[in-house]
Amino acid sequence: MSKIKNPAEKKQLSLKRDRRNVYGENPAASRKGIAKGKQRRHMDERRSVTQVLSRLTGQVDEDTASNTELQAKVAIADSKNRGFRKWPDKPLSEVIQRKKEIRKRRELFGARKK
């Protein structure tokens, strides 16, 4: 049972705590897309390291090995920076405010076209 008895307070807390996905996908697509995005990122990391390490063949001196190791670490960092990131859902109050603004703009510009 809720500790808050005032309906106005309940509504404000609800608007603040409840979240909505504004990315533009349905929930099933988001669930599947997150897993696939993580998978693509890890595959890209492995691929970039493999490309750097495949240049080494046969006997390798110490300088070349350390330089290649550094290039592999840079490739991993670069891949992580451009890789997949999750975005948090927006609070319901922000979503409602945004929808109101969009409706106002549509009314204004719709009225001008006539």
N, C-alpha and C. Protein backbone atom coordinates (compact mmCIF):
# COMPACT_ATOMS: atom_id res chain seq x y z
N MET A 1 0.85 -1.18 0.00
CA MET A 1 0.00 0.00 0.00
C MET A 1 0.89 1.24 0.00
N SER A 2 0.48 2.24 -0.73
CA SER A 2 1.28 3.45 -0.89
C SER A 2 1.26 4.29 0.39
N LYS A 3 2.39 4.89 0.69
CA LYS A 3 2.48 5.78 1.84
C LYS A 3 1.94 7.17 1.50
N ILE A 4 1.88 7.49 0.23
CA ILE A 4 1.41 8.79 -0.21
C ILE A 4 -0.09 8.74 -0.42
N LYS A 5 -0.81 9.58 0.29
CA LYS A 5 -2.27 9.55 0.25
C LYS A 5 -2.84 10.63 -0.66
N ASN A 6 -2.11 11.69 -0.87
CA ASN A 6 -2.58 12.80 -1.65
C ASN A 6 -2.50 12.44 -3.14
N PRO A 7 -3.61 12.48 -3.88
CA PRO A 7 -3.59 12.12 -5.30
C PRO A 7 -2.67 12.99 -6.15
N ALA A 8 -2.57 14.26 -5.82
CA ALA A 8 -1.70 15.16 -6.59
C ALA A 8 -0.23 14.75 -6.43
N GLU A 9 0.16 14.40 -5.20
CA GLU A 9 1.54 13.95 -4.96
C GLU A 9 1.80 12.64 -5.68
N LYS A 10 0.82 11.75 -5.66
CA LYS A 10 0.96 10.48 -6.36
C LYS A 10 1.20 10.70 -7.85
N LYS A 11 0.44 11.61 -8.41
CA LYS A 11 0.56 11.90 -9.84
C LYS A 11 1.94 12.47 -10.16
N GLN A 12 2.43 13.41 -9.33
CA GLN A 12 3.74 14.02 -9.57
C GLN A 12 4.85 12.96 -9.48
N LEU A 13 4.76 12.09 -8.47
CA LEU A 13 5.77 11.03 -8.33
C LEU A 13 5.70 10.07 -9.51
N SER A 14 4.49 9.78 -9.95
CA SER A 14 4.33 8.88 -11.08
C SER A 14 4.96 9.47 -12.34
N LEU A 15 4.73 10.75 -12.59
CA LEU A 15 5.30 11.41 -13.76
C LEU A 15 6.83 11.45 -13.68
N LYS A 16 7.34 11.55 -12.48
CA LYS A 16 8.79 11.63 -12.30
C LYS A 16 9.45 10.25 -12.40
N ARG A 17 8.83 9.22 -11.82
CA ARG A 17 9.45 7.90 -11.73
C ARG A 17 9.21 7.03 -12.97
N ASP A 18 8.01 7.11 -13.54
CA ASP A 18 7.69 6.26 -14.69
C ASP A 18 8.54 6.70 -15.88
N ARG A 19 8.99 5.73 -16.68
CA ARG A 19 9.87 6.02 -17.79
C ARG A 19 9.26 5.49 -19.09
N ARG A 20 9.62 6.12 -20.19
CA ARG A 20 9.14 5.70 -21.50
C ARG A 20 10.30 5.62 -22.48
N ASN A 21 10.22 4.64 -23.36
CA ASN A 21 11.23 4.46 -24.39
C ASN A 21 10.92 5.44 -25.51
N VAL A 22 11.84 6.36 -25.79
CA VAL A 22 11.62 7.35 -26.83
C VAL A 22 12.53 7.11 -28.03
N TYR A 23 13.18 5.95 -28.07
CA TYR A 23 14.09 5.64 -29.18
C TYR A 23 13.32 5.42 -30.47
N GLY A 24 12.09 5.00 -30.38
CA GLY A 24 11.27 4.84 -31.57
C GLY A 24 11.07 3.40 -32.00
N GLU A 25 11.45 2.46 -31.16
CA GLU A 25 11.24 1.06 -31.47
C GLU A 25 10.18 0.50 -30.53
N ASN A 26 9.60 -0.62 -30.93
CA ASN A 26 8.73 -1.28 -29.99
C ASN A 26 9.59 -2.04 -28.98
N PRO A 27 9.05 -2.42 -27.83
CA PRO A 27 9.87 -3.02 -26.77
C PRO A 27 10.60 -4.30 -27.19
N ALA A 28 9.98 -5.12 -28.01
CA ALA A 28 10.64 -6.36 -28.43
C ALA A 28 11.86 -6.05 -29.28
N ALA A 29 11.74 -5.06 -30.15
CA ALA A 29 12.87 -4.68 -31.00
C ALA A 29 14.01 -4.12 -30.15
N SER A 30 13.68 -3.38 -29.11
CA SER A 30 14.73 -2.85 -28.23
C SER A 30 15.44 -3.97 -27.50
N ARG A 31 14.69 -4.93 -27.00
CA ARG A 31 15.32 -6.04 -26.27
C ARG A 31 16.26 -6.82 -27.17
N LYS A 32 15.82 -7.08 -28.39
CA LYS A 32 16.66 -7.83 -29.32
C LYS A 32 17.82 -6.99 -29.83
N GLY A 33 17.56 -5.72 -30.06
CA GLY A 33 18.59 -4.83 -30.60
C GLY A 33 19.74 -4.60 -29.64
N ILE A 34 19.45 -4.57 -28.34
CA ILE A 34 20.51 -4.37 -27.36
C ILE A 34 21.49 -5.53 -27.40
N ALA A 35 20.97 -6.73 -27.43
CA ALA A 35 21.85 -7.91 -27.48
C ALA A 35 22.66 -7.92 -28.78
N LYS A 36 22.01 -7.61 -29.89
CA LYS A 36 22.73 -7.61 -31.16
C LYS A 36 23.77 -6.49 -31.22
N GLY A 37 23.45 -5.35 -30.62
CA GLY A 37 24.41 -4.25 -30.60
C GLY A 37 25.65 -4.60 -29.81
N LYS A 38 25.46 -5.25 -28.66
CA LYS A 38 26.60 -5.68 -27.86
C LYS A 38 27.42 -6.71 -28.63
N GLN A 39 26.73 -7.62 -29.30
CA GLN A 39 27.42 -8.65 -30.07
C GLN A 39 28.26 -8.02 -31.18
N ARG A 40 27.69 -7.05 -31.90
CA ARG A 40 28.43 -6.39 -32.98
C ARG A 40 29.66 -5.68 -32.45
N ARG A 41 29.52 -5.04 -31.29
CA ARG A 41 30.65 -4.32 -30.70
C ARG A 41 31.79 -5.28 -30.36
N HIS A 42 31.47 -6.41 -29.72
CA HIS A 42 32.50 -7.37 -29.36
C HIS A 42 33.14 -7.98 -30.60
N MET A 43 32.34 -8.26 -31.61
CA MET A 43 32.88 -8.80 -32.86
C MET A 43 33.82 -7.80 -33.51
N ASP A 44 33.46 -6.52 -33.48
CA ASP A 44 34.30 -5.48 -34.06
C ASP A 44 35.62 -5.37 -33.31
N GLU A 45 35.56 -5.47 -31.98
CA GLU A 45 36.80 -5.43 -31.19
C GLU A 45 37.72 -6.58 -31.58
N ARG A 46 37.17 -7.79 -31.64
CA ARG A 46 37.98 -8.95 -31.99
C ARG A 46 38.55 -8.82 -33.40
N ARG A 47 37.74 -8.34 -34.32
CA ARG A 47 38.18 -8.18 -35.70
C ARG A 47 39.33 -7.18 -35.80
N SER A 48 39.20 -6.04 -35.12
CA SER A 48 40.24 -5.01 -35.21
C SER A 48 41.55 -5.50 -34.62
N VAL A 49 41.49 -6.26 -33.52
CA VAL A 49 42.72 -6.80 -32.92
C VAL A 49 43.34 -7.85 -33.84
N THR A 50 42.50 -8.68 -34.44
CA THR A 50 43.00 -9.72 -35.34
C THR A 50 43.69 -9.10 -36.55
N GLN A 51 43.15 -8.01 -37.08
CA GLN A 51 43.77 -7.35 -38.22
C GLN A 51 45.15 -6.82 -37.87
N VAL A 52 45.28 -6.26 -36.68
CA VAL A 52 46.58 -5.73 -36.25
C VAL A 52 47.57 -6.86 -36.02
N LEU A 53 47.13 -7.92 -35.35
CA LEU A 53 48.04 -9.02 -35.01
C LEU A 53 48.39 -9.89 -36.22
N SER A 54 47.55 -9.88 -37.24
CA SER A 54 47.83 -10.72 -38.41
C SER A 54 49.02 -10.21 -39.21
N ARG A 55 49.44 -8.98 -38.97
CA ARG A 55 50.61 -8.43 -39.67
C ARG A 55 51.90 -9.07 -39.19
N LEU A 56 51.87 -9.64 -37.99
CA LEU A 56 53.07 -10.28 -37.44
C LEU A 56 53.18 -11.70 -38.00
N THR A 57 54.31 -12.00 -38.59
CA THR A 57 54.57 -13.36 -39.08
C THR A 57 56.02 -13.71 -38.81
N GLY A 58 56.27 -14.96 -38.54
CA GLY A 58 57.63 -15.45 -38.32
C GLY A 58 58.28 -14.85 -37.09
N GLN A 59 59.60 -14.70 -37.16
CA GLN A 59 60.35 -14.11 -36.04
C GLN A 59 60.08 -12.60 -35.99
N VAL A 60 59.77 -12.11 -34.79
CA VAL A 60 59.45 -10.70 -34.61
C VAL A 60 60.35 -10.14 -33.52
N ASP A 61 60.97 -8.99 -33.79
CA ASP A 61 61.81 -8.39 -32.75
C ASP A 61 60.94 -7.72 -31.70
N GLU A 62 61.57 -7.34 -30.62
CA GLU A 62 60.84 -6.83 -29.46
C GLU A 62 60.14 -5.50 -29.74
N ASP A 63 60.81 -4.63 -30.50
CA ASP A 63 60.21 -3.33 -30.81
C ASP A 63 58.93 -3.48 -31.63
N THR A 64 58.98 -4.35 -32.63
CA THR A 64 57.80 -4.57 -33.47
C THR A 64 56.66 -5.17 -32.66
N ALA A 65 57.00 -6.10 -31.77
CA ALA A 65 55.97 -6.73 -30.95
C ALA A 65 55.32 -5.72 -30.02
N SER A 66 56.12 -4.86 -29.37
CA SER A 66 55.54 -3.86 -28.46
C SER A 66 54.73 -2.82 -29.22
N ASN A 67 55.21 -2.46 -30.43
CA ASN A 67 54.47 -1.50 -31.24
C ASN A 67 53.13 -2.09 -31.68
N THR A 68 53.13 -3.36 -32.05
CA THR A 68 51.89 -4.03 -32.46
C THR A 68 50.92 -4.16 -31.29
N GLU A 69 51.46 -4.44 -30.12
CA GLU A 69 50.61 -4.53 -28.92
C GLU A 69 49.94 -3.19 -28.65
N LEU A 70 50.71 -2.11 -28.79
CA LEU A 70 50.15 -0.78 -28.59
C LEU A 70 49.06 -0.49 -29.62
N GLN A 71 49.30 -0.85 -30.87
CA GLN A 71 48.29 -0.65 -31.92
C GLN A 71 47.02 -1.45 -31.62
N ALA A 72 47.17 -2.66 -31.09
CA ALA A 72 46.01 -3.48 -30.74
C ALA A 72 45.21 -2.82 -29.63
N LYS A 73 45.89 -2.29 -28.63
CA LYS A 73 45.19 -1.62 -27.52
C LYS A 73 44.46 -0.37 -28.02
N VAL A 74 45.09 0.36 -28.93
CA VAL A 74 44.46 1.55 -29.50
C VAL A 74 43.23 1.15 -30.31
N ALA A 75 43.34 0.05 -31.06
CA ALA A 75 42.21 -0.43 -31.86
C ALA A 75 41.04 -0.81 -30.96
N ILE A 76 41.32 -1.45 -29.83
CA ILE A 76 40.26 -1.83 -28.88
C ILE A 76 39.59 -0.58 -28.31
N ALA A 77 40.40 0.39 -27.90
CA ALA A 77 39.84 1.63 -27.33
C ALA A 77 38.99 2.36 -28.36
N ASP A 78 39.47 2.41 -29.60
CA ASP A 78 38.72 3.08 -30.66
C ASP A 78 37.40 2.36 -30.92
N SER A 79 37.43 1.05 -30.93
CA SER A 79 36.23 0.26 -31.15
C SER A 79 35.22 0.48 -30.04
N LYS A 80 35.69 0.54 -28.80
CA LYS A 80 34.78 0.78 -27.67
C LYS A 80 34.16 2.17 -27.74
N ASN A 81 34.93 3.14 -28.20
CA ASN A 81 34.40 4.51 -28.28
C ASN A 81 33.31 4.64 -29.33
N ARG A 82 33.45 3.93 -30.46
CA ARG A 82 32.42 4.05 -31.48
C ARG A 82 31.40 2.94 -31.39
N GLY A 83 31.52 2.09 -30.41
CA GLY A 83 30.65 0.92 -30.30
C GLY A 83 29.27 1.23 -29.75
N PHE A 84 28.55 0.19 -29.44
CA PHE A 84 27.17 0.25 -28.99
C PHE A 84 27.05 0.85 -27.59
N ARG A 85 26.05 1.71 -27.41
CA ARG A 85 25.76 2.27 -26.09
C ARG A 85 24.26 2.23 -25.87
N LYS A 86 23.86 1.89 -24.66
CA LYS A 86 22.45 1.92 -24.31
C LYS A 86 22.10 3.34 -23.85
N TRP A 87 20.89 3.75 -24.14
CA TRP A 87 20.40 5.06 -23.70
C TRP A 87 19.25 4.84 -22.73
N PRO A 88 19.25 5.57 -21.61
CA PRO A 88 18.16 5.38 -20.64
C PRO A 88 16.84 5.93 -21.18
N ASP A 89 15.74 5.38 -20.68
CA ASP A 89 14.42 5.87 -21.04
C ASP A 89 14.20 7.23 -20.39
N LYS A 90 13.29 8.01 -20.98
CA LYS A 90 13.00 9.35 -20.47
C LYS A 90 11.87 9.29 -19.44
N PRO A 91 11.89 10.21 -18.46
CA PRO A 91 10.77 10.29 -17.52
C PRO A 91 9.47 10.63 -18.26
N LEU A 92 8.38 10.10 -17.74
CA LEU A 92 7.07 10.29 -18.38
C LEU A 92 6.73 11.77 -18.51
N SER A 93 7.10 12.58 -17.53
CA SER A 93 6.78 14.01 -17.59
C SER A 93 7.43 14.67 -18.81
N GLU A 94 8.68 14.30 -19.12
CA GLU A 94 9.36 14.86 -20.28
C GLU A 94 8.70 14.41 -21.58
N VAL A 95 8.28 13.15 -21.62
CA VAL A 95 7.64 12.61 -22.81
C VAL A 95 6.33 13.34 -23.08
N ILE A 96 5.54 13.56 -22.04
CA ILE A 96 4.26 14.25 -22.19
C ILE A 96 4.48 15.70 -22.64
N GLN A 97 5.47 16.37 -22.04
CA GLN A 97 5.78 17.75 -22.40
C GLN A 97 6.19 17.84 -23.87
N ARG A 98 6.99 16.90 -24.32
CA ARG A 98 7.45 16.88 -25.71
C ARG A 98 6.27 16.66 -26.67
N LYS A 99 5.37 15.76 -26.30
CA LYS A 99 4.20 15.51 -27.15
C LYS A 99 3.31 16.76 -27.23
N LYS A 100 3.17 17.48 -26.13
CA LYS A 100 2.36 18.70 -26.14
C LYS A 100 2.97 19.74 -27.08
N GLU A 101 4.31 19.87 -27.03
CA GLU A 101 4.98 20.83 -27.90
C GLU A 101 4.81 20.45 -29.37
N ILE A 102 4.89 19.18 -29.66
CA ILE A 102 4.71 18.72 -31.05
C ILE A 102 3.30 19.02 -31.53
N ARG A 103 2.30 18.78 -30.66
CA ARG A 103 0.91 19.07 -31.03
C ARG A 103 0.71 20.56 -31.31
N LYS A 104 1.33 21.41 -30.47
CA LYS A 104 1.20 22.86 -30.67
C LYS A 104 1.80 23.27 -32.01
N ARG A 105 3.00 22.74 -32.32
CA ARG A 105 3.65 23.06 -33.58
C ARG A 105 2.80 22.61 -34.77
N ARG A 106 2.21 21.43 -34.66
CA ARG A 106 1.37 20.93 -35.75
C ARG A 106 0.15 21.81 -35.95
N GLU A 107 -0.44 22.26 -34.85
CA GLU A 107 -1.61 23.14 -34.95
C GLU A 107 -1.22 24.47 -35.60
N LEU A 108 -0.08 25.03 -35.19
CA LEU A 108 0.35 26.31 -35.74
C LEU A 108 0.66 26.21 -37.23
N PHE A 109 1.47 25.24 -37.58
CA PHE A 109 1.87 25.12 -38.98
C PHE A 109 0.74 24.56 -39.83
N GLY A 110 -0.12 23.75 -39.26
CA GLY A 110 -1.27 23.24 -39.99
C GLY A 110 -2.24 24.35 -40.33
N ALA A 111 -2.42 25.31 -39.41
CA ALA A 111 -3.33 26.43 -39.63
C ALA A 111 -2.79 27.36 -40.72
N ARG A 112 -1.50 27.51 -40.84
CA ARG A 112 -0.90 28.38 -41.83
C ARG A 112 -1.04 27.84 -43.25
N LYS A 113 -1.06 26.53 -43.38
CA LYS A 113 -1.14 25.93 -44.71
C LYS A 113 -2.49 26.16 -45.37
N LYS A 114 -3.53 26.37 -44.60
CA LYS A 114 -4.88 26.54 -45.17
C LYS A 114 -5.12 27.85 -45.80
